[in-house]
Amino acid sequence: MSVPVRRVSPDDIESKFRELQGEVDVVTDEIRSYAVTVGAAVVVGLVLVAFVLGRRKGKRQRTYVEIRRV
């Protein structure tokens, strides 16, 4: 009961690489869309934090300008 030995041809290797590349492309697309979503959420969060902190600082250091006519 011996199994016949089959030689691996360059076509076999190439087809396997193409199969693996297709799987990698699918995973890459999924990760890229997730990363873009997370990146957009982080940017929006940073802009909101900067806005709130800037507004708070502006309330504490409000400048009053008095205009007098001479």
N, C-alpha and C. Protein backbone atom coordinates (compact mmCIF):
# COMPACT_ATOMS: atom_id res chain seq x y z
N MET A 1 0.81 -1.18 0.00
CA MET A 1 0.00 0.00 0.00
C MET A 1 0.87 1.26 0.00
N SER A 2 1.60 1.43 -1.00
CA SER A 2 2.41 2.62 -1.09
C SER A 2 1.66 3.69 -1.88
N VAL A 3 1.86 4.90 -1.46
CA VAL A 3 1.23 6.03 -2.13
C VAL A 3 2.15 6.48 -3.26
N PRO A 4 1.59 6.67 -4.45
CA PRO A 4 2.45 7.09 -5.56
C PRO A 4 3.01 8.49 -5.29
N VAL A 5 4.29 8.65 -5.57
CA VAL A 5 4.96 9.93 -5.36
C VAL A 5 4.68 10.84 -6.55
N ARG A 6 4.19 12.00 -6.26
CA ARG A 6 3.88 12.96 -7.32
C ARG A 6 4.81 14.15 -7.18
N ARG A 7 5.42 14.53 -8.25
CA ARG A 7 6.34 15.67 -8.24
C ARG A 7 5.54 16.97 -8.18
N VAL A 8 6.09 17.92 -7.46
CA VAL A 8 5.46 19.25 -7.37
C VAL A 8 5.99 20.08 -8.53
N SER A 9 5.06 20.58 -9.32
CA SER A 9 5.46 21.38 -10.47
C SER A 9 5.37 22.87 -10.13
N PRO A 10 6.02 23.68 -10.91
CA PRO A 10 5.92 25.13 -10.69
C PRO A 10 4.47 25.63 -10.78
N ASP A 11 3.66 24.98 -11.60
CA ASP A 11 2.26 25.37 -11.70
C ASP A 11 1.52 25.11 -10.39
N ASP A 12 1.86 24.01 -9.72
CA ASP A 12 1.24 23.72 -8.42
C ASP A 12 1.59 24.79 -7.40
N ILE A 13 2.85 25.16 -7.37
CA ILE A 13 3.30 26.19 -6.42
C ILE A 13 2.64 27.52 -6.74
N GLU A 14 2.58 27.88 -8.00
CA GLU A 14 1.98 29.14 -8.39
C GLU A 14 0.49 29.18 -8.03
N SER A 15 -0.23 28.10 -8.27
CA SER A 15 -1.66 28.08 -7.95
C SER A 15 -1.89 28.19 -6.44
N LYS A 16 -1.02 27.57 -5.65
CA LYS A 16 -1.16 27.67 -4.20
C LYS A 16 -0.87 29.09 -3.72
N PHE A 17 0.16 29.73 -4.28
CA PHE A 17 0.45 31.11 -3.93
C PHE A 17 -0.70 32.04 -4.30
N ARG A 18 -1.30 31.82 -5.45
CA ARG A 18 -2.45 32.65 -5.85
C ARG A 18 -3.64 32.46 -4.89
N GLU A 19 -3.84 31.23 -4.47
CA GLU A 19 -4.91 30.94 -3.50
C GLU A 19 -4.65 31.67 -2.18
N LEU A 20 -3.43 31.59 -1.70
CA LEU A 20 -3.08 32.28 -0.46
C LEU A 20 -3.19 33.79 -0.61
N GLN A 21 -2.77 34.31 -1.74
CA GLN A 21 -2.84 35.75 -1.99
C GLN A 21 -4.29 36.22 -1.97
N GLY A 22 -5.19 35.43 -2.52
CA GLY A 22 -6.61 35.80 -2.50
C GLY A 22 -7.14 35.89 -1.08
N GLU A 23 -6.73 34.96 -0.21
CA GLU A 23 -7.16 35.01 1.19
C GLU A 23 -6.59 36.22 1.90
N VAL A 24 -5.34 36.55 1.61
CA VAL A 24 -4.69 37.70 2.23
C VAL A 24 -5.37 38.99 1.79
N ASP A 25 -5.74 39.07 0.52
CA ASP A 25 -6.42 40.27 0.02
C ASP A 25 -7.75 40.50 0.73
N VAL A 26 -8.50 39.43 0.96
CA VAL A 26 -9.79 39.56 1.64
C VAL A 26 -9.59 40.05 3.06
N VAL A 27 -8.64 39.48 3.76
CA VAL A 27 -8.37 39.89 5.15
C VAL A 27 -7.87 41.33 5.18
N THR A 28 -7.02 41.71 4.24
CA THR A 28 -6.49 43.06 4.19
C THR A 28 -7.60 44.07 3.97
N ASP A 29 -8.54 43.78 3.08
CA ASP A 29 -9.66 44.69 2.84
C ASP A 29 -10.51 44.86 4.08
N GLU A 30 -10.76 43.77 4.82
CA GLU A 30 -11.55 43.85 6.03
C GLU A 30 -10.84 44.70 7.09
N ILE A 31 -9.56 44.49 7.26
CA ILE A 31 -8.80 45.25 8.25
C ILE A 31 -8.71 46.72 7.85
N ARG A 32 -8.55 46.99 6.57
CA ARG A 32 -8.45 48.37 6.11
C ARG A 32 -9.74 49.13 6.40
N SER A 33 -10.89 48.53 6.15
CA SER A 33 -12.15 49.23 6.41
C SER A 33 -12.33 49.45 7.91
N TYR A 34 -11.93 48.49 8.72
CA TYR A 34 -12.00 48.65 10.17
C TYR A 34 -11.07 49.76 10.64
N ALA A 35 -9.86 49.81 10.09
CA ALA A 35 -8.89 50.83 10.49
C ALA A 35 -9.36 52.23 10.10
N VAL A 36 -9.97 52.36 8.94
CA VAL A 36 -10.48 53.66 8.51
C VAL A 36 -11.59 54.12 9.45
N THR A 37 -12.47 53.22 9.84
CA THR A 37 -13.55 53.56 10.76
C THR A 37 -13.00 53.99 12.12
N VAL A 38 -12.06 53.24 12.64
CA VAL A 38 -11.46 53.58 13.94
C VAL A 38 -10.70 54.89 13.84
N GLY A 39 -9.97 55.10 12.78
CA GLY A 39 -9.23 56.34 12.59
C GLY A 39 -10.14 57.55 12.52
N ALA A 40 -11.25 57.43 11.82
CA ALA A 40 -12.20 58.54 11.73
C ALA A 40 -12.79 58.84 13.11
N ALA A 41 -13.11 57.80 13.88
CA ALA A 41 -13.66 58.01 15.21
C ALA A 41 -12.64 58.69 16.13
N VAL A 42 -11.39 58.32 16.02
CA VAL A 42 -10.34 58.95 16.84
C VAL A 42 -10.18 60.41 16.47
N VAL A 43 -10.19 60.73 15.19
CA VAL A 43 -10.05 62.12 14.75
C VAL A 43 -11.22 62.96 15.25
N VAL A 44 -12.43 62.44 15.13
CA VAL A 44 -13.61 63.17 15.61
C VAL A 44 -13.52 63.37 17.12
N GLY A 45 -13.09 62.35 17.85
CA GLY A 45 -12.93 62.47 19.29
C GLY A 45 -11.91 63.52 19.67
N LEU A 46 -10.77 63.55 18.98
CA LEU A 46 -9.75 64.55 19.27
C LEU A 46 -10.24 65.96 18.98
N VAL A 47 -10.97 66.14 17.90
CA VAL A 47 -11.50 67.46 17.57
C VAL A 47 -12.49 67.90 18.65
N LEU A 48 -13.35 67.00 19.11
CA LEU A 48 -14.30 67.36 20.16
C LEU A 48 -13.60 67.70 21.47
N VAL A 49 -12.58 66.93 21.84
CA VAL A 49 -11.85 67.23 23.07
C VAL A 49 -11.15 68.58 22.96
N ALA A 50 -10.53 68.88 21.84
CA ALA A 50 -9.87 70.17 21.65
C ALA A 50 -10.88 71.31 21.72
N PHE A 51 -12.05 71.10 21.14
CA PHE A 51 -13.09 72.14 21.18
C PHE A 51 -13.55 72.41 22.61
N VAL A 52 -13.82 71.33 23.35
CA VAL A 52 -14.31 71.48 24.73
C VAL A 52 -13.24 72.12 25.60
N LEU A 53 -11.99 71.67 25.49
CA LEU A 53 -10.93 72.26 26.30
C LEU A 53 -10.67 73.72 25.93
N GLY A 54 -10.71 74.04 24.67
CA GLY A 54 -10.52 75.42 24.24
C GLY A 54 -11.64 76.32 24.70
N ARG A 55 -12.83 75.81 24.69
CA ARG A 55 -13.98 76.59 25.13
C ARG A 55 -13.91 76.83 26.64
N ARG A 56 -13.51 75.82 27.37
CA ARG A 56 -13.39 75.94 28.82
C ARG A 56 -12.29 76.93 29.18
N LYS A 57 -11.18 76.88 28.51
CA LYS A 57 -10.08 77.80 28.78
C LYS A 57 -10.49 79.22 28.43
N GLY A 58 -11.25 79.37 27.38
CA GLY A 58 -11.73 80.70 26.99
C GLY A 58 -12.65 81.30 28.03
N LYS A 59 -13.44 80.49 28.69
CA LYS A 59 -14.33 81.00 29.73
C LYS A 59 -13.54 81.45 30.96
N ARG A 60 -12.45 80.77 31.27
CA ARG A 60 -11.66 81.12 32.45
C ARG A 60 -10.81 82.35 32.20
N GLN A 61 -10.35 82.57 31.02
CA GLN A 61 -9.46 83.69 30.74
C GLN A 61 -10.13 84.71 29.83
N ARG A 62 -11.33 85.04 30.14
CA ARG A 62 -12.07 85.99 29.33
C ARG A 62 -11.50 87.39 29.55
N THR A 63 -11.31 88.13 28.52
CA THR A 63 -10.76 89.47 28.59
C THR A 63 -11.89 90.47 28.44
N TYR A 64 -11.91 91.44 29.34
CA TYR A 64 -12.90 92.52 29.26
C TYR A 64 -12.19 93.75 28.74
N VAL A 65 -12.74 94.32 27.71
CA VAL A 65 -12.17 95.52 27.11
C VAL A 65 -13.13 96.67 27.39
N GLU A 66 -12.59 97.72 28.01
CA GLU A 66 -13.41 98.88 28.33
C GLU A 66 -13.00 99.99 27.38
N ILE A 67 -13.97 100.58 26.73
CA ILE A 67 -13.70 101.64 25.77
C ILE A 67 -14.19 102.94 26.37
N ARG A 68 -13.31 103.95 26.45
CA ARG A 68 -13.66 105.26 26.99
C ARG A 68 -13.42 106.31 25.92
N ARG A 69 -14.31 107.24 25.89
CA ARG A 69 -14.12 108.39 24.98
C ARG A 69 -13.46 109.51 25.76
N VAL A 70 -12.51 110.12 25.14
CA VAL A 70 -11.79 111.22 25.81
C VAL A 70 -12.23 112.53 25.27
